[in-house]
């Protein structure tokens, strides 16, 4: 991603924003962990989407009627820089974001007062109904400061832009998927009976970090029955001969990440029962992949997945009535992907359009048999069909067993 891409993104946002509005996006503030320690800082994703900047206490302003974009950075504090690292300078921010008008926060109050003197509305980001707050010197929220009667929610305007990925965003996701693929292949070296789930997770993290990436989300490495818990993240149990190991993981590079699931036999060979269940999930995976196109919705894709999985569960002897498939498939077929793992989306019933990126992740979870299987890839909706962004990640039964036999 480069400044030209961020400039194009800001142009799209400016077009989507309502007239007679000055919009403020806040990067956010650090969160205390304990004592004098803080959690790693990640800027608000809408702020980052428009700037590419991971800097706390920054504010991005869109002045719609004047077609003006301003970025405010925290004032340079040489003493604090000795303790916590360098504060971002205006020149650096220009290089990353392409924004020309960059000011420091000491100028922010005066600027806000000049905006409030105009007959304009104040656009703020109510992300999932929670107002993103900028903590002023007095400790009150920015919405209170400017007057809530003037505030409008521009969250959906930005989401409408984020849902349609630019080609550069798609390339960033592809890069993250390839790093994820290589990290998976390396981590399979640690998948041996007697080892621990965490041995595999640690190798995956190491390989991702070595490629200058970081975890997109908490890694799930679930052996045996653990795989029937969708968000099992403890990763601390022994790997057993004859069990399966479910991987649900992803590496993030330059802000954009992958979300990939695979399921492997720990000893290198599927049992006959495991192979039967895996094939049902795989057939569903391929059917959904073929169905993704503009005009279809995520809800419709999920209905298709449930139909295939229900038929498979009947053949497997798990159910008699297709409605009972929810006993073994209890999540949706997918979600949007981008800067967030579950990226922003407006309506799962809405038809997909070119440029959407979604996941395809059917699964079956049979707790009484200790079998949990999920297969997931990331898919770009194209003009007439789709592009699987991760076809190189092994998923067919024979190719898995052949690779693990090496």
Protein backbone atom coordinates (compact mmCIF):
# COMPACT_ATOMS: atom_id res chain seq x y z
CA UNK A 1 0.00 0.00 0.00
CA UNK A 2 1.27 3.48 -0.84
CA UNK A 3 0.18 7.08 -0.53
CA UNK A 4 -1.54 7.02 -3.93
CA UNK A 5 -3.81 4.21 -2.72
CA UNK A 6 -4.67 6.08 0.48
CA UNK A 7 -5.36 9.20 -1.58
CA UNK A 8 -7.77 7.19 -3.75
CA UNK A 9 -9.47 5.79 -0.64
CA UNK A 10 -9.92 9.28 0.82
CA UNK A 11 -11.38 10.49 -2.46
CA UNK A 12 -13.96 7.68 -2.32
CA UNK A 13 -14.79 8.52 1.30
CA UNK A 14 -15.15 12.23 0.53
CA UNK A 15 -17.58 11.37 -2.27
CA UNK A 16 -19.63 9.13 0.02
CA UNK A 17 -19.89 11.63 2.91
CA UNK A 18 -22.99 13.85 3.13
CA UNK A 19 -22.82 17.50 2.14
CA UNK A 20 -22.61 20.31 4.69
CA UNK A 21 -20.60 18.07 7.00
CA UNK A 22 -17.17 18.21 8.61
CA UNK A 23 -16.17 14.68 9.64
CA UNK A 24 -13.65 13.76 12.35
CA UNK A 25 -12.01 10.31 12.50
CA UNK A 26 -9.90 9.52 15.56
CA UNK A 27 -7.02 7.04 15.66
CA UNK A 28 -7.69 6.36 19.34
CA UNK A 29 -5.55 6.20 22.45
CA UNK A 30 -3.40 3.54 24.08
CA UNK A 31 -5.10 1.15 26.51
CA UNK A 32 -3.49 0.48 29.89
CA UNK A 33 -2.64 -3.17 30.51
CA UNK A 34 -1.39 -2.98 34.08
CA UNK A 35 0.89 -0.78 36.17
CA UNK A 36 2.76 1.36 33.61
CA UNK A 37 2.26 -1.11 30.75
CA UNK A 38 -0.05 -0.69 27.75
CA UNK A 39 -1.45 -3.09 25.17
CA UNK A 40 0.06 -2.76 21.67
CA UNK A 41 -1.58 0.17 19.92
CA UNK A 42 -3.71 -0.30 16.81
CA UNK A 43 -5.37 2.72 15.26
CA UNK A 44 -9.09 2.70 14.64
CA UNK A 45 -9.48 0.73 11.41
CA UNK A 46 -11.53 3.43 9.66
CA UNK A 47 -8.81 5.96 10.48
CA UNK A 48 -6.11 3.56 9.30
CA UNK A 49 -8.08 2.74 6.14
CA UNK A 50 -7.91 6.39 5.10
CA UNK A 51 -4.32 7.12 6.16
CA UNK A 52 -2.18 3.98 6.60
CA UNK A 53 -1.00 5.50 9.88
CA UNK A 54 -0.73 3.67 13.23
CA UNK A 55 -0.22 6.69 15.49
CA UNK A 56 -2.15 7.33 18.73
CA UNK A 57 -4.05 10.54 19.41
CA UNK A 58 -4.28 11.54 15.75
CA UNK A 59 -7.34 13.05 14.07
CA UNK A 60 -8.31 13.00 10.41
CA UNK A 61 -10.74 15.67 9.18
CA UNK A 62 -12.85 15.62 6.03
CA UNK A 63 -14.33 19.04 5.21
CA UNK A 64 -16.82 18.00 2.53
CA UNK A 65 -17.89 21.42 1.23
CA UNK A 66 -14.33 22.77 1.01
CA UNK A 67 -12.97 19.45 -0.36
CA UNK A 68 -10.28 19.67 2.31
CA UNK A 69 -8.51 16.92 4.25
CA UNK A 70 -6.46 17.70 7.36
CA UNK A 71 -4.46 15.38 9.59
CA UNK A 72 -3.69 16.39 13.18
CA UNK A 73 -0.80 14.66 14.97
CA UNK A 74 0.10 14.79 18.65
CA UNK A 75 2.66 17.45 19.49
CA UNK A 76 6.26 16.28 19.59
CA UNK A 77 7.44 15.64 23.17
CA UNK A 78 11.23 15.10 23.17
CA UNK A 79 11.22 13.92 26.78
CA UNK A 80 8.53 11.25 26.19
CA UNK A 81 10.33 10.15 23.04
CA UNK A 82 13.23 9.03 25.26
CA UNK A 83 10.88 6.61 27.02
CA UNK A 84 8.31 5.43 24.48
CA UNK A 85 9.86 6.06 21.06
CA UNK A 86 9.62 8.71 18.40
CA UNK A 87 6.40 10.59 17.75
CA UNK A 88 5.36 10.75 14.10
CA UNK A 89 6.50 13.92 12.31
CA UNK A 90 4.52 15.74 9.62
CA UNK A 91 6.97 14.80 6.85
CA UNK A 92 6.74 11.10 7.71
CA UNK A 93 2.94 11.27 7.77
CA UNK A 94 2.91 12.93 4.36
CA UNK A 95 5.06 10.18 2.86
CA UNK A 96 2.80 7.43 4.21
CA UNK A 97 -0.61 8.98 3.65
CA UNK A 98 -0.18 11.51 0.87
CA UNK A 99 -1.97 14.15 2.98
CA UNK A 100 -0.49 17.60 2.40
CA UNK A 101 -2.20 19.57 5.17
CA UNK A 102 -0.74 18.17 8.39
CA UNK A 103 -0.93 20.04 11.67
CA UNK A 104 -0.21 19.34 15.32
CA UNK A 105 -2.76 18.89 18.07
CA UNK A 106 -1.94 22.22 19.70
CA UNK A 107 -3.86 23.73 16.76
CA UNK A 108 -6.84 21.39 17.09
CA UNK A 109 -9.03 23.34 19.54
CA UNK A 110 -8.82 26.52 17.49
CA UNK A 111 -9.69 24.58 14.35
CA UNK A 112 -12.72 22.96 15.99
CA UNK A 113 -13.96 26.37 17.14
CA UNK A 114 -13.70 27.65 13.57
CA UNK A 115 -15.77 24.68 12.37
CA UNK A 116 -18.41 25.19 15.06
CA UNK A 117 -18.78 28.79 13.95
CA UNK A 118 -20.04 27.49 10.59
CA UNK A 119 -23.50 26.12 9.87
CA UNK A 120 -22.36 22.54 9.39
CA UNK A 121 -23.03 19.13 10.86
CA UNK A 122 -20.30 17.14 12.61
CA UNK A 123 -19.72 13.67 11.21
CA UNK A 124 -18.49 11.04 13.68
CA UNK A 125 -17.94 7.30 13.46
CA UNK A 126 -20.41 5.27 15.55
CA UNK A 127 -18.68 1.94 15.07
CA UNK A 128 -21.20 -0.79 16.03
CA UNK A 129 -23.29 1.81 17.92
CA UNK A 130 -20.36 2.88 20.08
CA UNK A 131 -19.12 6.39 19.51
CA UNK A 132 -15.42 6.57 18.85
CA UNK A 133 -14.33 9.08 21.46
CA UNK A 134 -11.57 11.65 21.33
CA UNK A 135 -10.67 12.50 24.88
CA UNK A 136 -10.34 16.27 25.16
CA UNK A 137 -8.26 18.03 27.79
CA UNK A 138 -11.28 18.21 30.09
CA UNK A 139 -11.97 14.49 29.70
CA UNK A 140 -15.35 14.90 28.00
CA UNK A 141 -16.19 13.13 24.75
CA UNK A 142 -15.89 15.01 21.52
CA UNK A 143 -19.59 14.51 20.82
CA UNK A 144 -20.47 16.28 24.07
CA UNK A 145 -18.00 19.03 23.28
CA UNK A 146 -19.40 19.89 19.85
CA UNK A 147 -23.02 19.32 20.87
CA UNK A 148 -24.80 16.05 20.14
CA UNK A 149 -27.59 17.85 18.26
CA UNK A 150 -25.06 18.61 15.50
CA UNK A 151 -23.61 15.10 15.31
CA UNK A 152 -24.46 12.61 12.55
CA UNK A 153 -23.23 9.03 12.20
CA UNK A 154 -21.08 8.50 9.11
CA UNK A 155 -20.13 4.90 9.93
CA UNK A 156 -22.17 3.39 7.10
CA UNK A 157 -20.74 5.87 4.58
CA UNK A 158 -17.23 4.62 5.33
CA UNK A 159 -18.33 0.99 5.49
CA UNK A 160 -19.81 1.27 1.99
CA UNK A 161 -16.32 2.21 0.79
CA UNK A 162 -14.46 -0.44 2.79
CA UNK A 163 -16.71 -3.23 1.51
CA UNK A 164 -15.43 -2.73 -2.05
CA UNK A 165 -11.69 -3.37 -2.17
CA UNK A 166 -9.34 -1.50 -4.46
CA UNK A 167 -6.93 -3.68 -6.50
CA UNK A 168 -4.08 -2.64 -4.16
CA UNK A 169 -6.06 -3.88 -1.16
CA UNK A 170 -6.66 -7.22 -2.87
CA UNK A 171 -2.94 -7.55 -3.58
CA UNK A 172 -2.22 -6.86 0.11
CA UNK A 173 -4.62 -9.66 1.10
CA UNK A 174 -2.97 -12.01 -1.41
CA UNK A 175 0.43 -11.25 0.10
CA UNK A 176 -0.90 -12.01 3.57
CA UNK A 177 -2.38 -15.29 2.32
CA UNK A 178 0.93 -16.40 0.81
CA UNK A 179 2.79 -15.61 4.03
CA UNK A 180 0.09 -17.57 5.88
CA UNK A 181 0.53 -20.49 3.46
CA UNK A 182 4.28 -20.66 4.01
CA UNK A 183 3.81 -20.41 7.78
CA UNK A 184 1.30 -23.28 7.71
CA UNK A 185 3.64 -25.52 5.71
CA UNK A 186 6.50 -24.82 8.12
CA UNK A 187 4.34 -25.35 11.20
CA UNK A 188 3.27 -28.78 9.93
CA UNK A 189 6.80 -29.93 10.80
CA UNK A 190 5.74 -29.62 14.46
CA UNK A 191 2.51 -31.63 13.99
CA UNK A 192 3.50 -34.96 15.51
CA UNK A 193 1.85 -37.27 18.06
CA UNK A 194 3.21 -36.37 21.50
CA UNK A 195 3.87 -32.74 20.63
CA UNK A 196 1.61 -29.97 21.88
CA UNK A 197 -0.85 -27.80 19.99
CA UNK A 198 1.25 -24.86 21.13
CA UNK A 199 4.35 -26.25 19.41
CA UNK A 200 2.54 -25.83 16.11
CA UNK A 201 1.11 -22.42 17.08
CA UNK A 202 4.54 -21.13 18.12
CA UNK A 203 6.10 -22.19 14.82
CA UNK A 204 3.29 -20.48 12.89
CA UNK A 205 3.83 -17.24 14.83
CA UNK A 206 7.59 -17.42 14.32
CA UNK A 207 7.29 -17.88 10.56
CA UNK A 208 4.76 -15.06 10.29
CA UNK A 209 6.95 -12.68 12.27
CA UNK A 210 10.00 -13.68 10.25
CA UNK A 211 8.14 -12.58 7.10
CA UNK A 212 7.47 -9.17 8.75
CA UNK A 213 3.88 -10.04 9.50
CA UNK A 214 1.86 -10.46 12.68
CA UNK A 215 -1.15 -12.49 13.73
CA UNK A 216 -4.41 -11.36 12.17
CA UNK A 217 -6.30 -12.87 15.14
CA UNK A 218 -5.70 -15.34 17.97
CA UNK A 219 -4.53 -18.57 16.39
CA UNK A 220 -6.79 -21.61 16.70
CA UNK A 221 -4.95 -24.96 16.70
CA UNK A 222 -7.43 -27.51 17.93
CA UNK A 223 -6.70 -31.19 18.17
CA UNK A 224 -9.36 -33.89 18.40
CA UNK A 225 -12.50 -32.84 20.26
CA UNK A 226 -11.10 -29.34 20.82
CA UNK A 227 -11.92 -28.66 17.17
CA UNK A 228 -15.64 -28.86 17.96
CA UNK A 229 -15.29 -25.57 19.88
CA UNK A 230 -15.29 -22.84 17.21
CA UNK A 231 -13.03 -20.34 18.96
CA UNK A 232 -10.74 -22.65 20.90
CA UNK A 233 -7.56 -20.60 21.44
CA UNK A 234 -5.91 -22.23 24.45
CA UNK A 235 -3.66 -24.33 22.17
CA UNK A 236 -2.20 -26.24 25.13
CA UNK A 237 -3.19 -29.90 24.69
CA UNK A 238 -1.14 -32.87 23.57
CA UNK A 239 -1.48 -34.07 19.97
CA UNK A 240 -2.71 -37.65 19.77
CA UNK A 241 -2.10 -40.30 17.14
CA UNK A 242 -5.28 -40.81 15.11
CA UNK A 243 -6.75 -37.37 15.81
CA UNK A 244 -7.20 -34.43 13.46
CA UNK A 245 -5.73 -30.97 14.00
CA UNK A 246 -7.83 -27.99 12.90
CA UNK A 247 -5.96 -24.84 11.89
CA UNK A 248 -7.86 -21.52 11.83
CA UNK A 249 -5.34 -18.74 11.53
CA UNK A 250 -3.96 -15.90 9.48
CA UNK A 251 -1.07 -13.50 9.13
CA UNK A 252 -1.52 -9.76 8.64
CA UNK A 253 0.87 -7.79 6.44
CA UNK A 254 0.66 -4.00 6.01
CA UNK A 255 -2.68 -3.88 7.80
CA UNK A 256 -4.50 -6.46 5.66
CA UNK A 257 -4.77 -10.09 6.65
CA UNK A 258 -5.71 -13.65 5.75
CA UNK A 259 -8.27 -15.94 7.38
CA UNK A 260 -7.56 -19.57 6.50
CA UNK A 261 -8.78 -22.87 7.94
CA UNK A 262 -7.43 -26.32 7.21
CA UNK A 263 -7.76 -29.69 8.94
CA UNK A 264 -4.94 -32.25 8.90
CA UNK A 265 -4.49 -35.81 10.25
CA UNK A 266 -1.85 -35.63 12.98
CA UNK A 267 -0.21 -38.92 11.94
CA UNK A 268 -0.41 -38.07 8.24
CA UNK A 269 -3.29 -40.37 7.28
CA UNK A 270 -7.06 -39.85 7.49
CA UNK A 271 -9.05 -42.71 8.96
CA UNK A 272 -11.91 -43.92 6.79
CA UNK A 273 -14.45 -42.08 8.95
CA UNK A 274 -12.39 -38.89 8.96
CA UNK A 275 -12.05 -39.10 5.19
CA UNK A 276 -15.85 -39.46 4.78
CA UNK A 277 -16.59 -36.44 6.96
CA UNK A 278 -13.81 -34.38 5.37
CA UNK A 279 -15.16 -35.12 1.88
CA UNK A 280 -18.61 -33.82 2.84
CA UNK A 281 -17.08 -30.54 4.02
CA UNK A 282 -14.83 -30.36 0.96
CA UNK A 283 -17.73 -30.93 -1.46
CA UNK A 284 -19.65 -28.16 0.28
CA UNK A 285 -16.61 -25.90 0.09
CA UNK A 286 -16.32 -26.40 -3.68
CA UNK A 287 -20.06 -25.91 -4.23
CA UNK A 288 -20.03 -22.60 -2.38
CA UNK A 289 -16.86 -21.45 -4.13
CA UNK A 290 -18.51 -22.09 -7.49
CA UNK A 291 -21.66 -20.19 -6.43
CA UNK A 292 -19.98 -16.95 -5.32
CA UNK A 293 -20.67 -14.19 -7.82
CA UNK A 294 -22.19 -10.70 -8.01
CA UNK A 295 -25.88 -10.67 -7.11
CA UNK A 296 -25.85 -13.54 -4.60
CA UNK A 297 -25.90 -12.83 -0.85
CA UNK A 298 -23.98 -14.35 2.06
CA UNK A 299 -27.31 -15.55 3.48
CA UNK A 300 -28.07 -17.42 0.23
CA UNK A 301 -24.58 -18.94 0.23
CA UNK A 302 -25.16 -20.13 3.80
CA UNK A 303 -28.46 -21.74 2.77
CA UNK A 304 -26.58 -23.57 0.01
CA UNK A 305 -23.94 -24.75 2.48
CA UNK A 306 -26.58 -26.01 4.91
CA UNK A 307 -28.27 -27.95 2.08
CA UNK A 308 -25.03 -29.71 1.11
CA UNK A 309 -23.97 -30.34 4.71
CA UNK A 310 -27.42 -31.68 5.66
CA UNK A 311 -27.37 -34.15 2.77
CA UNK A 312 -23.87 -35.19 3.84
CA UNK A 313 -24.87 -35.63 7.46
CA UNK A 314 -27.73 -37.90 6.41
CA UNK A 315 -25.29 -40.05 4.39
CA UNK A 316 -22.93 -40.11 7.38
CA UNK A 317 -25.73 -41.42 9.59
CA UNK A 318 -25.68 -38.38 11.86
CA UNK A 319 -29.22 -37.09 11.22
CA UNK A 320 -32.47 -38.12 9.56
CA UNK A 321 -34.05 -34.68 9.16
CA UNK A 322 -32.13 -31.96 7.24
CA UNK A 323 -33.29 -29.37 9.80
CA UNK A 324 -31.11 -31.11 12.38
CA UNK A 325 -27.90 -30.14 10.54
CA UNK A 326 -27.51 -27.30 13.06
CA UNK A 327 -26.38 -29.91 15.60
CA UNK A 328 -23.18 -30.32 13.57
CA UNK A 329 -22.89 -27.04 11.64
CA UNK A 330 -23.52 -24.06 13.89
CA UNK A 331 -21.92 -21.05 12.25
CA UNK A 332 -22.38 -19.16 9.00
CA UNK A 333 -20.60 -19.89 5.73
CA UNK A 334 -18.51 -16.74 5.87
CA UNK A 335 -17.94 -13.07 6.48
CA UNK A 336 -16.19 -10.12 4.91
CA UNK A 337 -12.40 -9.82 5.19
CA UNK A 338 -9.96 -6.94 4.96
CA UNK A 339 -8.45 -4.74 7.64
CA UNK A 340 -10.45 -6.73 10.20
CA UNK A 341 -10.92 -10.49 10.34
CA UNK A 342 -14.68 -9.98 10.44
CA UNK A 343 -14.49 -6.90 8.29
CA UNK A 344 -17.23 -4.28 8.26
CA UNK A 345 -20.43 -5.14 6.40
CA UNK A 346 -23.86 -3.54 6.18
CA UNK A 347 -26.34 -6.31 5.34
CA UNK A 348 -25.75 -10.05 4.94
CA UNK A 349 -28.89 -10.18 2.77
CA UNK A 350 -27.47 -7.62 0.34
CA UNK A 351 -26.24 -8.89 -3.05
CA UNK A 352 -22.49 -9.20 -3.44
CA UNK A 353 -20.77 -6.79 -5.82
CA UNK A 354 -17.45 -6.77 -7.64
CA UNK A 355 -14.64 -5.98 -5.23
CA UNK A 356 -16.13 -7.65 -2.15
CA UNK A 357 -13.81 -10.07 -0.34
CA UNK A 358 -15.49 -12.77 1.75
CA UNK A 359 -14.57 -16.07 3.36
CA UNK A 360 -15.93 -19.50 2.47
CA UNK A 361 -15.69 -21.77 5.52
CA UNK A 362 -17.99 -24.79 5.80
CA UNK A 363 -17.45 -27.17 8.69
CA UNK A 364 -18.80 -30.16 10.59
CA UNK A 365 -18.28 -30.70 14.32
CA UNK A 366 -19.07 -34.13 15.73
CA UNK A 367 -18.20 -33.92 19.42
CA UNK A 368 -19.27 -37.50 20.18
CA UNK A 369 -16.67 -38.74 17.67
CA UNK A 370 -13.96 -36.20 18.48
CA UNK A 371 -14.05 -34.88 14.92
CA UNK A 372 -14.05 -31.21 13.97
CA UNK A 373 -13.35 -30.21 10.36
CA UNK A 374 -13.33 -26.76 8.78
CA UNK A 375 -11.98 -25.71 5.38
CA UNK A 376 -11.73 -21.99 4.67
CA UNK A 377 -10.44 -19.73 1.95
CA UNK A 378 -10.73 -16.03 1.08
CA UNK A 379 -12.61 -15.12 -2.10
CA UNK A 380 -12.72 -11.98 -4.26
CA UNK A 381 -16.00 -11.26 -6.06
CA UNK A 382 -15.13 -10.42 -9.67
CA UNK A 383 -17.15 -8.87 -12.50
CA UNK A 384 -18.95 -12.10 -13.38
CA UNK A 385 -17.72 -14.74 -10.92
CA UNK A 386 -15.00 -14.93 -8.26
CA UNK A 387 -11.32 -15.54 -7.61
CA UNK A 388 -10.13 -17.86 -4.86
CA UNK A 389 -7.28 -15.87 -3.32
CA UNK A 390 -5.69 -18.89 -1.63
CA UNK A 391 -5.77 -21.84 -4.05
CA UNK A 392 -2.16 -22.74 -3.26
CA UNK A 393 -2.97 -23.85 0.30
CA UNK A 394 -3.35 -27.63 0.25
CA UNK A 395 -6.88 -28.91 0.91
CA UNK A 396 -7.63 -32.03 -1.18
CA UNK A 397 -7.34 -35.30 0.75
CA UNK A 398 -4.75 -36.92 -1.51
CA UNK A 399 -2.53 -33.84 -1.70
CA UNK A 400 -2.65 -33.44 2.10
CA UNK A 401 -1.60 -37.04 2.68
CA UNK A 402 1.07 -36.82 0.00
CA UNK A 403 2.53 -33.66 1.50
CA UNK A 404 2.54 -35.06 5.05
CA UNK A 405 4.25 -38.22 3.81
CA UNK A 406 7.31 -36.26 2.71
